[in-house]
Amino acid sequence: MLTENPPKNANLIPESILPKKEKRNYSKLTLIGYAIGPLLIILCHFGTLILLSTGLSFGGGLWVLFWYWLRMLGTTSIYHRLLTHRSYQAPILVKWIGTFITASAGQMGPSWWKSHHLDHHRFSDQANDPHNSNKGFWWSHYRWLISPNTFPNHLPADIEQDIVLKTIDRLHFVPLITLGGFSYWVGGLEYLGAFFLSTTILFHGVALVNSVCHKFGDRPFETGDKSTNNWVVAILALGEGWHSVHHAFEWSARHGITITEGKVRYLPDFTYWFIQALQWAGLASKVKLPPEAKLLAASVKSGSSVAK
């Protein structure tokens, strides 16, 4: 594992890894593809109503939970910690397969996701943050997605240079629709409804990081924004709810970290455990972790503060 020092300004992405800024200079097909994403999520919300007539069996419930867990894990470990923050390295097949699975979550494509997330860190809780929490809880939770903000201002060069990742980005809706069709093939309308329910819950599980984790929880680290550690979101989002440390050390593969009584304490972080499993299997390397001395130096000096 690697330990690294944080950048001088933990909220500022170094220019060398920022995506090129091409202010929405995309083809009509790309813009249409990006516009489809929020519409499909809205459709999934309405699709859950199928279960009112079919009911949900034990098998259907397992279908909901399995696809929630697998696609949330793809979002946290592949889209977020691997592709966006480069917290570890992985073989190209891990990137491709993981990205295809994650696209079936309705989380859009890797270029779209990375672009928005880097802007969130660069301008966290400021005007240029796409889901600026100062504009209100529901804005940061979902309203930004149904506004012009849904179209990224730029696309990351590294993702765009990989033809497979770029193709998945432009056709991000194909894996989602394919999983919906597969669900119907496996269990008819009930499993289709289970797919809709799983996708809907997953959407809100991810969105809670943008909304709840910038309003409720503890702030053990100095970040210059409103990011918090929230244990409820950490459970639902497989470790992503430990958001304060993520904004202090965004490149860290481990988010489950806090400071208690002047000491570093490690918290449950399922995504980090998964990355460790990949590393054990030889499928992850160069895992980045902040040294404890730097964690202590970045901590709130008077102890963990509570968001108000």
Protein backbone atom coordinates (compact mmCIF):
# COMPACT_ATOMS: atom_id res chain seq x y z
CA MET A 1 0.00 0.00 0.00
CA LEU A 2 1.05 3.59 -0.59
CA THR A 3 0.81 6.50 1.79
CA GLU A 4 0.72 9.99 0.39
CA ASN A 5 0.72 13.54 1.64
CA PRO A 6 -2.44 15.56 0.95
CA PRO A 7 -2.28 18.41 -1.54
CA LYS A 8 -1.74 21.86 -0.04
CA ASN A 9 -5.40 22.62 -0.61
CA ALA A 10 -7.33 19.38 -0.07
CA ASN A 11 -10.36 20.76 -1.91
CA LEU A 12 -8.47 21.70 -5.08
CA ILE A 13 -7.76 19.05 -7.71
CA PRO A 14 -4.30 19.54 -9.25
CA GLU A 15 -4.60 21.01 -12.74
CA SER A 16 -2.60 18.10 -14.19
CA ILE A 17 -5.43 15.64 -13.54
CA LEU A 18 -8.39 17.93 -14.15
CA PRO A 19 -10.41 17.08 -17.25
CA LYS A 20 -10.18 19.41 -20.20
CA LYS A 21 -12.86 22.09 -20.16
CA GLU A 22 -14.93 21.95 -23.32
CA LYS A 23 -18.04 23.81 -22.25
CA ARG A 24 -20.72 21.36 -23.35
CA ASN A 25 -19.40 21.19 -26.90
CA TYR A 26 -20.95 17.76 -27.49
CA SER A 27 -22.85 16.16 -30.33
CA LYS A 28 -26.64 16.08 -30.24
CA LEU A 29 -26.55 12.32 -29.76
CA THR A 30 -24.34 12.70 -26.68
CA LEU A 31 -26.64 15.34 -25.22
CA ILE A 32 -29.70 13.16 -25.91
CA GLY A 33 -27.96 10.20 -24.27
CA TYR A 34 -27.22 12.25 -21.16
CA ALA A 35 -30.80 13.56 -21.09
CA ILE A 36 -32.17 10.02 -21.15
CA GLY A 37 -30.52 9.14 -17.81
CA PRO A 38 -32.75 11.18 -15.45
CA LEU A 39 -35.83 10.12 -17.42
CA LEU A 40 -35.00 6.45 -16.86
CA ILE A 41 -34.61 7.03 -13.12
CA ILE A 42 -38.03 8.70 -13.04
CA LEU A 43 -39.41 5.70 -14.95
CA CYS A 44 -37.91 3.34 -12.36
CA HIS A 45 -39.71 5.21 -9.58
CA PHE A 46 -43.05 4.70 -11.31
CA GLY A 47 -42.09 1.13 -12.23
CA THR A 48 -42.03 0.14 -8.56
CA LEU A 49 -45.84 0.43 -8.63
CA ILE A 50 -45.88 -2.93 -10.46
CA LEU A 51 -45.21 -4.56 -7.10
CA LEU A 52 -48.57 -3.32 -5.79
CA SER A 53 -50.24 -5.86 -8.07
CA THR A 54 -47.63 -8.65 -8.13
CA GLY A 55 -46.42 -8.51 -4.55
CA LEU A 56 -42.81 -9.27 -3.66
CA SER A 57 -41.78 -12.85 -2.90
CA PHE A 58 -38.70 -13.89 -0.92
CA GLY A 59 -36.87 -14.50 -4.18
CA GLY A 60 -37.93 -11.10 -5.47
CA GLY A 61 -36.64 -9.50 -2.28
CA LEU A 62 -33.27 -11.19 -2.76
CA TRP A 63 -33.23 -9.87 -6.34
CA VAL A 64 -33.70 -6.33 -4.97
CA LEU A 65 -30.93 -6.72 -2.41
CA PHE A 66 -28.41 -8.45 -4.67
CA TRP A 67 -28.60 -5.92 -7.46
CA TYR A 68 -28.59 -3.04 -4.98
CA TRP A 69 -25.43 -4.37 -3.35
CA LEU A 70 -23.57 -5.26 -6.55
CA ARG A 71 -24.35 -2.02 -8.38
CA MET A 72 -23.70 0.14 -5.31
CA LEU A 73 -20.33 -1.61 -4.97
CA GLY A 74 -19.60 -0.83 -8.61
CA THR A 75 -20.47 2.82 -8.04
CA THR A 76 -18.26 3.15 -4.97
CA SER A 77 -15.30 0.98 -5.91
CA ILE A 78 -15.13 1.45 -9.71
CA TYR A 79 -16.72 4.77 -10.69
CA HIS A 80 -15.69 6.61 -7.54
CA ARG A 81 -12.49 5.31 -6.00
CA LEU A 82 -10.87 3.78 -9.11
CA LEU A 83 -11.85 5.82 -12.17
CA THR A 84 -12.47 9.20 -10.55
CA HIS A 85 -9.91 9.45 -7.74
CA ARG A 86 -7.40 6.81 -8.83
CA SER A 87 -7.19 5.56 -5.25
CA TYR A 88 -5.81 2.29 -6.56
CA GLN A 89 -4.90 0.70 -9.87
CA ALA A 90 -6.59 -2.28 -11.50
CA PRO A 91 -6.30 -4.29 -14.73
CA ILE A 92 -8.21 -2.97 -17.71
CA LEU A 93 -10.72 -5.84 -17.61
CA VAL A 94 -11.64 -4.91 -14.03
CA LYS A 95 -12.32 -1.37 -15.25
CA TRP A 96 -14.36 -2.48 -18.25
CA ILE A 97 -16.45 -5.15 -16.51
CA GLY A 98 -16.93 -3.02 -13.39
CA THR A 99 -17.98 -0.04 -15.48
CA PHE A 100 -20.53 -2.06 -17.46
CA ILE A 101 -22.07 -3.40 -14.25
CA THR A 102 -22.14 0.07 -12.70
CA ALA A 103 -23.80 1.60 -15.76
CA SER A 104 -26.69 -0.81 -15.14
CA ALA A 105 -27.30 1.10 -11.89
CA GLY A 106 -28.66 4.14 -13.71
CA GLN A 107 -25.64 6.13 -12.51
CA MET A 108 -24.96 7.33 -16.07
CA GLY A 109 -21.59 6.68 -17.73
CA PRO A 110 -18.02 6.99 -16.40
CA SER A 111 -17.15 10.27 -18.21
CA TRP A 112 -20.38 11.92 -17.03
CA TRP A 113 -19.90 10.66 -13.47
CA LYS A 114 -16.24 11.59 -13.15
CA SER A 115 -16.72 15.04 -14.62
CA HIS A 116 -19.47 15.99 -12.18
CA HIS A 117 -17.66 14.51 -9.20
CA LEU A 118 -14.38 16.32 -9.88
CA ASP A 119 -16.29 19.59 -10.15
CA HIS A 120 -17.97 18.78 -6.84
CA HIS A 121 -14.59 18.46 -5.14
CA ARG A 122 -13.03 21.43 -6.89
CA PHE A 123 -15.92 23.76 -6.01
CA SER A 124 -17.45 21.96 -3.03
CA ASP A 125 -20.47 23.85 -1.66
CA GLN A 126 -19.70 26.81 -3.92
CA ALA A 127 -21.53 28.21 -6.93
CA ASN A 128 -19.85 25.93 -9.49
CA ASP A 129 -20.52 22.76 -7.48
CA PRO A 130 -23.13 20.94 -9.63
CA HIS A 131 -25.05 19.86 -6.52
CA ASN A 132 -24.12 22.73 -4.21
CA SER A 133 -25.71 21.93 -0.83
CA ASN A 134 -26.20 25.63 -0.10
CA LYS A 135 -29.03 25.60 -2.65
CA GLY A 136 -31.03 23.27 -0.41
CA PHE A 137 -31.35 19.64 0.59
CA TRP A 138 -33.53 18.57 -2.33
CA TRP A 139 -31.40 20.42 -4.86
CA SER A 140 -28.33 18.44 -3.82
CA HIS A 141 -30.35 15.22 -3.54
CA TYR A 142 -32.00 15.17 -6.97
CA ARG A 143 -33.15 18.51 -8.39
CA TRP A 144 -29.76 19.30 -9.91
CA LEU A 145 -30.19 16.23 -12.14
CA ILE A 146 -33.33 17.61 -13.74
CA SER A 147 -31.75 21.02 -14.38
CA PRO A 148 -29.17 22.12 -16.99
CA ASN A 149 -26.53 21.02 -14.46
CA THR A 150 -27.11 17.45 -15.58
CA PHE A 151 -24.94 18.19 -18.61
CA PRO A 152 -21.25 18.21 -17.61
CA ASN A 153 -19.10 21.20 -18.50
CA HIS A 154 -16.22 18.97 -19.60
CA LEU A 155 -15.32 15.33 -20.07
CA PRO A 156 -12.25 13.65 -18.53
CA ALA A 157 -9.50 12.97 -21.07
CA ASP A 158 -8.42 9.63 -19.57
CA ILE A 159 -11.90 8.11 -19.83
CA GLU A 160 -12.48 9.57 -23.28
CA GLN A 161 -9.24 8.01 -24.58
CA ASP A 162 -10.42 4.50 -23.65
CA ILE A 163 -12.77 3.44 -26.45
CA VAL A 164 -14.58 0.86 -24.29
CA LEU A 165 -15.20 3.26 -21.39
CA LYS A 166 -16.22 6.02 -23.80
CA THR A 167 -18.67 3.67 -25.55
CA ILE A 168 -20.22 2.64 -22.24
CA ASP A 169 -20.51 6.32 -21.32
CA ARG A 170 -22.41 7.21 -24.49
CA LEU A 171 -24.59 4.09 -24.29
CA HIS A 172 -24.93 4.10 -20.51
CA PHE A 173 -28.65 3.34 -20.73
CA VAL A 174 -28.07 0.01 -22.54
CA PRO A 175 -26.82 -1.93 -19.46
CA LEU A 176 -29.72 -0.54 -17.39
CA ILE A 177 -32.34 -1.54 -19.95
CA THR A 178 -30.62 -4.91 -20.45
CA LEU A 179 -30.81 -5.66 -16.72
CA GLY A 180 -34.47 -4.69 -16.71
CA GLY A 181 -35.13 -7.09 -19.60
CA PHE A 182 -33.12 -9.83 -17.91
CA SER A 183 -35.12 -9.35 -14.71
CA TYR A 184 -38.37 -9.79 -16.63
CA TRP A 185 -36.99 -12.90 -18.34
CA VAL A 186 -36.03 -14.42 -14.97
CA GLY A 187 -39.20 -13.71 -13.01
CA GLY A 188 -41.78 -11.88 -15.08
CA LEU A 189 -43.46 -8.70 -13.90
CA GLU A 190 -42.57 -9.30 -10.25
CA TYR A 191 -38.83 -9.37 -10.95
CA LEU A 192 -39.15 -6.41 -13.29
CA GLY A 193 -40.80 -4.54 -10.42
CA ALA A 194 -38.00 -5.75 -8.13
CA PHE A 195 -35.46 -4.34 -10.59
CA PHE A 196 -37.26 -0.99 -10.58
CA LEU A 197 -37.35 -0.98 -6.77
CA SER A 198 -33.66 -1.91 -6.47
CA THR A 199 -32.66 0.84 -8.91
CA THR A 200 -34.82 3.43 -7.16
CA ILE A 201 -33.41 2.63 -3.72
CA LEU A 202 -29.91 2.63 -5.16
CA PHE A 203 -30.43 6.07 -6.69
CA HIS A 204 -31.41 7.51 -3.33
CA GLY A 205 -28.62 5.64 -1.54
CA VAL A 206 -26.05 7.39 -3.73
CA ALA A 207 -27.87 10.74 -3.60
CA LEU A 208 -27.79 10.70 0.21
CA VAL A 209 -24.05 11.26 0.02
CA ASN A 210 -24.65 14.57 -1.77
CA SER A 211 -27.51 15.70 0.45
CA VAL A 212 -27.33 14.17 3.94
CA CYS A 213 -23.52 14.06 4.07
CA HIS A 214 -23.36 17.81 3.52
CA LYS A 215 -25.87 18.59 6.26
CA PHE A 216 -26.03 15.97 9.03
CA GLY A 217 -23.21 14.22 10.88
CA ASP A 218 -19.79 14.78 12.40
CA ARG A 219 -16.94 16.81 10.92
CA PRO A 220 -13.70 15.34 12.27
CA PHE A 221 -11.54 16.89 9.51
CA GLU A 222 -10.90 20.42 8.31
CA THR A 223 -12.16 20.50 4.71
CA GLY A 224 -13.37 24.03 4.07
CA ASP A 225 -16.83 22.77 3.12
CA LYS A 226 -19.86 21.14 4.72
CA SER A 227 -18.92 17.47 4.22
CA THR A 228 -19.69 15.20 7.17
CA ASN A 229 -19.32 11.63 8.39
CA ASN A 230 -22.76 10.02 8.62
CA TRP A 231 -22.95 6.43 9.82
CA VAL A 232 -26.42 5.74 8.35
CA VAL A 233 -25.29 6.72 4.86
CA ALA A 234 -22.04 4.83 5.40
CA ILE A 235 -24.05 1.62 5.87
CA LEU A 236 -26.37 2.24 2.93
CA ALA A 237 -23.58 3.36 0.58
CA LEU A 238 -20.96 0.77 1.59
CA GLY A 239 -18.61 3.24 3.27
CA GLU A 240 -19.27 6.37 1.19
CA GLY A 241 -20.99 8.06 4.13
CA TRP A 242 -17.61 8.70 5.79
CA HIS A 243 -17.55 11.86 3.71
CA SER A 244 -15.49 14.22 5.87
CA VAL A 245 -12.28 12.25 5.46
CA HIS A 246 -13.04 11.82 1.76
CA HIS A 247 -13.07 15.58 1.25
CA ALA A 248 -9.89 15.95 3.32
CA PHE A 249 -8.07 13.13 1.47
CA GLU A 250 -10.09 12.53 -1.67
CA TRP A 251 -7.47 10.18 -3.12
CA SER A 252 -7.63 7.80 -0.15
CA ALA A 253 -8.90 4.30 -0.94
CA ARG A 254 -10.19 4.11 2.64
CA HIS A 255 -13.01 6.43 3.72
CA GLY A 256 -13.80 4.83 7.06
CA ILE A 257 -11.57 7.03 9.20
CA THR A 258 -12.28 9.47 12.03
CA ILE A 259 -10.47 11.12 14.93
CA THR A 260 -11.51 10.33 18.50
CA GLU A 261 -9.79 11.91 21.51
CA GLY A 262 -6.80 12.85 19.41
CA LYS A 263 -6.35 9.38 17.96
CA VAL A 264 -7.06 7.91 14.53
CA ARG A 265 -9.92 5.42 14.58
CA TYR A 266 -10.88 3.21 11.65
CA LEU A 267 -14.53 2.65 10.80
CA PRO A 268 -16.35 -0.06 8.81
CA ASP A 269 -15.85 0.56 5.10
CA PHE A 270 -17.14 -2.27 2.91
CA THR A 271 -15.81 -0.71 -0.28
CA TYR A 272 -12.30 -0.56 1.16
CA TRP A 273 -12.60 -4.20 2.24
CA PHE A 274 -13.56 -5.06 -1.33
CA ILE A 275 -10.51 -3.21 -2.63
CA GLN A 276 -8.37 -5.19 -0.18
CA ALA A 277 -9.94 -8.39 -1.54
CA LEU A 278 -9.07 -7.31 -5.08
CA GLN A 279 -5.53 -6.62 -3.93
CA TRP A 280 -5.28 -10.06 -2.33
CA ALA A 281 -6.46 -11.61 -5.61
CA GLY A 282 -3.88 -9.66 -7.58
CA LEU A 283 -6.53 -7.41 -9.18
CA ALA A 284 -5.63 -4.16 -7.40
CA SER A 285 -2.34 -2.45 -6.70
CA LYS A 286 -0.87 0.84 -5.50
CA VAL A 287 -3.65 1.35 -2.97
CA LYS A 288 -3.35 4.88 -1.59
CA LEU A 289 -3.81 5.60 2.12
CA PRO A 290 -3.06 8.75 4.13
CA PRO A 291 -0.47 8.36 6.93
CA GLU A 292 -1.81 8.78 10.46
CA ALA A 293 0.37 11.84 11.06
CA LYS A 294 -1.33 13.62 8.17
CA LEU A 295 -4.76 12.52 9.35
CA LEU A 296 -4.10 14.01 12.78
CA ALA A 297 -2.74 17.20 11.25
CA ALA A 298 -5.91 17.61 9.18
CA SER A 299 -8.29 16.96 12.06
CA VAL A 300 -10.51 19.58 13.65
CA LYS A 301 -8.30 20.82 16.46
CA SER A 302 -11.06 21.14 19.07
CA GLY A 303 -12.35 17.62 18.36
CA SER A 304 -15.05 16.39 15.99
CA SER A 305 -17.62 19.09 15.30
CA VAL A 306 -21.28 18.38 14.66
CA ALA A 307 -23.07 19.72 11.61
CA LYS A 308 -25.93 22.07 12.33
